[in-house]
Amino acid sequence: VAQVPAFAHLGAERIADISQLLKPEIVPARFTVIRRGEVPRAMFFVVSGALEIDLPTEIVRIEEGQFFGETGLLEDSVRRATVTTLSECHLLRLEKSDFERLMEDEPELREAIARVSRERSHSVEASEI
């Protein structure tokens, strides 16, 4: 968890607390983790492996240290992308209820996650022009 840039500003004790909320998952290659149109129930942090985010206008690759699934939770909207593993992936799952509580308790973390979400949204919007 300490390797995820969004958590970089947090102290060791707080990172340990957050680690308790995260559920490890090992996912095989070519597995769909999130489907466009689904109701979001969690977001994910990538510990190892590579995934593909299939957005309506582009495909983005993410790897270790990155996260996905945050937009639907932040905006309380259905999933806008399908996310599929390209290789076996070790993920950390943060359930929606824990995400909401964490975002309330950690405004800096919320801003870091929201910033990445906005950057991804702007990238999609720019490619639609």
C-alpha atoms as a PDB file:
ATOM      1  CA  VAL A   1       0.000   0.000   0.000  1.00  0.00           C
ATOM      2  CA  ALA A   2       2.856   2.393   0.806  1.00  0.00           C
ATOM      3  CA  GLN A   3       4.020   2.018  -2.832  1.00  0.00           C
ATOM      4  CA  VAL A   4       0.796   3.559  -4.185  1.00  0.00           C
ATOM      5  CA  PRO A   5       1.519   7.245  -4.961  1.00  0.00           C
ATOM      6  CA  ALA A   6      -1.927   8.335  -3.709  1.00  0.00           C
ATOM      7  CA  PHE A   7      -0.905   7.152  -0.217  1.00  0.00           C
ATOM      8  CA  ALA A   8       2.541   8.804  -0.276  1.00  0.00           C
ATOM      9  CA  HIS A   9       1.579  11.642   2.082  1.00  0.00           C
ATOM     10  CA  LEU A  10       0.229   9.311   4.778  1.00  0.00           C
ATOM     11  CA  GLY A  11       2.201   8.151   7.798  1.00  0.00           C
ATOM     12  CA  ALA A  12       3.037   4.510   8.483  1.00  0.00           C
ATOM     13  CA  GLU A  13       0.325   4.142  11.132  1.00  0.00           C
ATOM     14  CA  ARG A  14      -2.416   5.457   8.830  1.00  0.00           C
ATOM     15  CA  ILE A  15      -1.197   3.256   5.971  1.00  0.00           C
ATOM     16  CA  ALA A  16      -1.401   0.271   8.339  1.00  0.00           C
ATOM     17  CA  ASP A  17      -5.003   1.254   9.196  1.00  0.00           C
ATOM     18  CA  ILE A  18      -5.913   1.516   5.508  1.00  0.00           C
ATOM     19  CA  SER A  19      -4.252  -1.824   4.779  1.00  0.00           C
ATOM     20  CA  GLN A  20      -6.783  -3.433   7.090  1.00  0.00           C
ATOM     21  CA  LEU A  21      -9.584  -2.249   4.768  1.00  0.00           C
ATOM     22  CA  LEU A  22      -8.058  -3.658   1.579  1.00  0.00           C
ATOM     23  CA  LYS A  23      -8.896  -7.176   0.415  1.00  0.00           C
ATOM     24  CA  PRO A  24      -6.209  -8.911  -1.664  1.00  0.00           C
ATOM     25  CA  GLU A  25      -7.308 -10.590  -4.899  1.00  0.00           C
ATOM     26  CA  ILE A  26      -5.291 -12.611  -7.392  1.00  0.00           C
ATOM     27  CA  VAL A  27      -6.922 -12.401 -10.809  1.00  0.00           C
ATOM     28  CA  PRO A  28      -5.939 -14.495 -13.862  1.00  0.00           C
ATOM     29  CA  ALA A  29      -4.983 -13.025 -17.229  1.00  0.00           C
ATOM     30  CA  ARG A  30      -7.817 -12.006 -19.580  1.00  0.00           C
ATOM     31  CA  PHE A  31     -10.304 -11.649 -16.701  1.00  0.00           C
ATOM     32  CA  THR A  32     -12.872  -8.846 -16.704  1.00  0.00           C
ATOM     33  CA  VAL A  33     -12.697  -7.116 -13.325  1.00  0.00           C
ATOM     34  CA  ILE A  34     -15.171  -4.312 -14.116  1.00  0.00           C
ATOM     35  CA  ARG A  35     -17.807  -4.062 -16.875  1.00  0.00           C
ATOM     36  CA  ARG A  36     -19.143  -0.843 -18.386  1.00  0.00           C
ATOM     37  CA  GLY A  37     -22.678  -0.188 -17.092  1.00  0.00           C
ATOM     38  CA  GLU A  38     -22.279  -2.028 -13.780  1.00  0.00           C
ATOM     39  CA  VAL A  39     -23.117  -0.425 -10.447  1.00  0.00           C
ATOM     40  CA  PRO A  40     -19.783   0.209  -8.675  1.00  0.00           C
ATOM     41  CA  ARG A  41     -19.169  -1.730  -5.482  1.00  0.00           C
ATOM     42  CA  ALA A  42     -15.405  -1.216  -5.068  1.00  0.00           C
ATOM     43  CA  MET A  43     -12.233   0.328  -6.436  1.00  0.00           C
ATOM     44  CA  PHE A  44      -8.935  -1.471  -6.934  1.00  0.00           C
ATOM     45  CA  PHE A  45      -5.217  -0.811  -6.435  1.00  0.00           C
ATOM     46  CA  VAL A  46      -2.745  -2.669  -8.661  1.00  0.00           C
ATOM     47  CA  VAL A  47       0.000  -4.419  -6.688  1.00  0.00           C
ATOM     48  CA  SER A  48       1.393  -6.266  -9.716  1.00  0.00           C
ATOM     49  CA  GLY A  49       0.388  -7.078 -13.272  1.00  0.00           C
ATOM     50  CA  ALA A  50      -1.112  -5.069 -16.117  1.00  0.00           C
ATOM     51  CA  LEU A  51      -4.688  -4.211 -17.017  1.00  0.00           C
ATOM     52  CA  GLU A  52      -6.498  -2.563 -19.895  1.00  0.00           C
ATOM     53  CA  ILE A  53      -9.174   0.080 -19.353  1.00  0.00           C
ATOM     54  CA  ASP A  54     -11.528   0.083 -22.340  1.00  0.00           C
ATOM     55  CA  LEU A  55     -13.152   3.522 -22.367  1.00  0.00           C
ATOM     56  CA  PRO A  56     -15.715   4.590 -24.984  1.00  0.00           C
ATOM     57  CA  THR A  57     -13.079   6.506 -26.982  1.00  0.00           C
ATOM     58  CA  GLU A  58      -9.722   4.964 -26.057  1.00  0.00           C
ATOM     59  CA  ILE A  59      -7.906   2.091 -24.388  1.00  0.00           C
ATOM     60  CA  VAL A  60      -5.558   2.830 -21.487  1.00  0.00           C
ATOM     61  CA  ARG A  61      -3.036   0.462 -19.918  1.00  0.00           C
ATOM     62  CA  ILE A  62      -2.372   0.590 -16.169  1.00  0.00           C
ATOM     63  CA  GLU A  63       0.166  -1.240 -14.029  1.00  0.00           C
ATOM     64  CA  GLU A  64       1.670  -1.552 -10.565  1.00  0.00           C
ATOM     65  CA  GLY A  65       1.071   1.431  -8.272  1.00  0.00           C
ATOM     66  CA  GLN A  66      -2.004   2.641 -10.155  1.00  0.00           C
ATOM     67  CA  PHE A  67      -5.684   2.265  -9.335  1.00  0.00           C
ATOM     68  CA  PHE A  68      -9.022   2.010 -11.108  1.00  0.00           C
ATOM     69  CA  GLY A  69     -12.734   1.966 -10.409  1.00  0.00           C
ATOM     70  CA  GLU A  70     -12.668   5.241  -8.482  1.00  0.00           C
ATOM     71  CA  THR A  71     -14.786   7.332 -10.849  1.00  0.00           C
ATOM     72  CA  GLY A  72     -18.015   5.422 -10.323  1.00  0.00           C
ATOM     73  CA  LEU A  73     -17.568   5.657  -6.556  1.00  0.00           C
ATOM     74  CA  LEU A  74     -16.689   9.364  -6.563  1.00  0.00           C
ATOM     75  CA  GLU A  75     -19.570  10.267  -8.884  1.00  0.00           C
ATOM     76  CA  ASP A  76     -22.004   7.616  -7.634  1.00  0.00           C
ATOM     77  CA  SER A  77     -22.594   6.579 -11.240  1.00  0.00           C
ATOM     78  CA  VAL A  78     -22.460   3.370 -13.257  1.00  0.00           C
ATOM     79  CA  ARG A  79     -19.149   2.160 -14.623  1.00  0.00           C
ATOM     80  CA  ARG A  80     -17.974   3.999 -17.751  1.00  0.00           C
ATOM     81  CA  ALA A  81     -15.304   1.485 -18.710  1.00  0.00           C
ATOM     82  CA  THR A  82     -14.545  -2.205 -18.874  1.00  0.00           C
ATOM     83  CA  VAL A  83     -11.310  -3.245 -17.152  1.00  0.00           C
ATOM     84  CA  THR A  84      -9.613  -6.498 -18.150  1.00  0.00           C
ATOM     85  CA  THR A  85      -6.392  -8.052 -16.913  1.00  0.00           C
ATOM     86  CA  LEU A  86      -3.604  -8.471 -19.472  1.00  0.00           C
ATOM     87  CA  SER A  87      -1.590 -10.715 -17.154  1.00  0.00           C
ATOM     88  CA  GLU A  88      -2.146 -12.324 -13.783  1.00  0.00           C
ATOM     89  CA  CYS A  89      -2.754  -9.412 -11.406  1.00  0.00           C
ATOM     90  CA  HIS A  90      -2.480  -8.963  -7.687  1.00  0.00           C
ATOM     91  CA  LEU A  91      -5.063  -6.363  -6.706  1.00  0.00           C
ATOM     92  CA  LEU A  92      -6.231  -4.753  -3.487  1.00  0.00           C
ATOM     93  CA  ARG A  93     -10.002  -4.222  -3.362  1.00  0.00           C
ATOM     94  CA  LEU A  94     -11.516  -1.321  -1.401  1.00  0.00           C
ATOM     95  CA  GLU A  95     -15.246  -1.791  -0.871  1.00  0.00           C
ATOM     96  CA  LYS A  96     -17.573   1.152  -1.478  1.00  0.00           C
ATOM     97  CA  SER A  97     -18.530   1.630   2.185  1.00  0.00           C
ATOM     98  CA  ASP A  98     -14.852   1.643   3.236  1.00  0.00           C
ATOM     99  CA  PHE A  99     -14.009   3.977   0.331  1.00  0.00           C
ATOM    100  CA  GLU A 100     -16.680   6.469   1.435  1.00  0.00           C
ATOM    101  CA  ARG A 101     -15.504   6.417   5.052  1.00  0.00           C
ATOM    102  CA  LEU A 102     -11.852   6.744   3.993  1.00  0.00           C
ATOM    103  CA  MET A 103     -12.603   9.666   1.663  1.00  0.00           C
ATOM    104  CA  GLU A 104     -14.394  11.442   4.507  1.00  0.00           C
ATOM    105  CA  ASP A 105     -11.514  10.826   6.947  1.00  0.00           C
ATOM    106  CA  GLU A 106      -8.694  11.633   4.507  1.00  0.00           C
ATOM    107  CA  PRO A 107      -9.451  14.754   2.407  1.00  0.00           C
ATOM    108  CA  GLU A 108      -5.923  14.786   0.919  1.00  0.00           C
ATOM    109  CA  LEU A 109      -6.338  11.210  -0.265  1.00  0.00           C
ATOM    110  CA  ARG A 110      -9.765  12.059  -1.685  1.00  0.00           C
ATOM    111  CA  GLU A 111      -8.222  14.943  -3.629  1.00  0.00           C
ATOM    112  CA  ALA A 112      -5.379  12.771  -4.954  1.00  0.00           C
ATOM    113  CA  ILE A 113      -7.834  10.114  -6.172  1.00  0.00           C
ATOM    114  CA  ALA A 114     -10.244  12.737  -7.559  1.00  0.00           C
ATOM    115  CA  ARG A 115      -7.355  14.424  -9.417  1.00  0.00           C
ATOM    116  CA  VAL A 116      -6.455  11.180 -11.208  1.00  0.00           C
ATOM    117  CA  SER A 117     -10.129  10.626 -12.024  1.00  0.00           C
ATOM    118  CA  ARG A 118     -10.430  14.168 -13.457  1.00  0.00           C
ATOM    119  CA  GLU A 119      -7.268  13.713 -15.517  1.00  0.00           C
ATOM    120  CA  ARG A 120      -8.642  10.496 -16.985  1.00  0.00           C
ATOM    121  CA  SER A 121     -11.982  12.183 -17.722  1.00  0.00           C
ATOM    122  CA  HIS A 122     -10.262  15.136 -19.423  1.00  0.00           C
ATOM    123  CA  SER A 123      -8.189  12.721 -21.497  1.00  0.00           C
ATOM    124  CA  VAL A 124     -11.375  10.998 -22.680  1.00  0.00           C
ATOM    125  CA  GLU A 125     -13.122  14.319 -23.367  1.00  0.00           C
ATOM    126  CA  ALA A 126     -10.130  15.633 -25.339  1.00  0.00           C
ATOM    127  CA  SER A 127     -10.064  12.504 -27.489  1.00  0.00           C
ATOM    128  CA  GLU A 128     -13.778  12.969 -28.275  1.00  0.00           C
ATOM    129  CA  ILE A 129     -13.177  16.426 -29.839  1.00  0.00           C
END
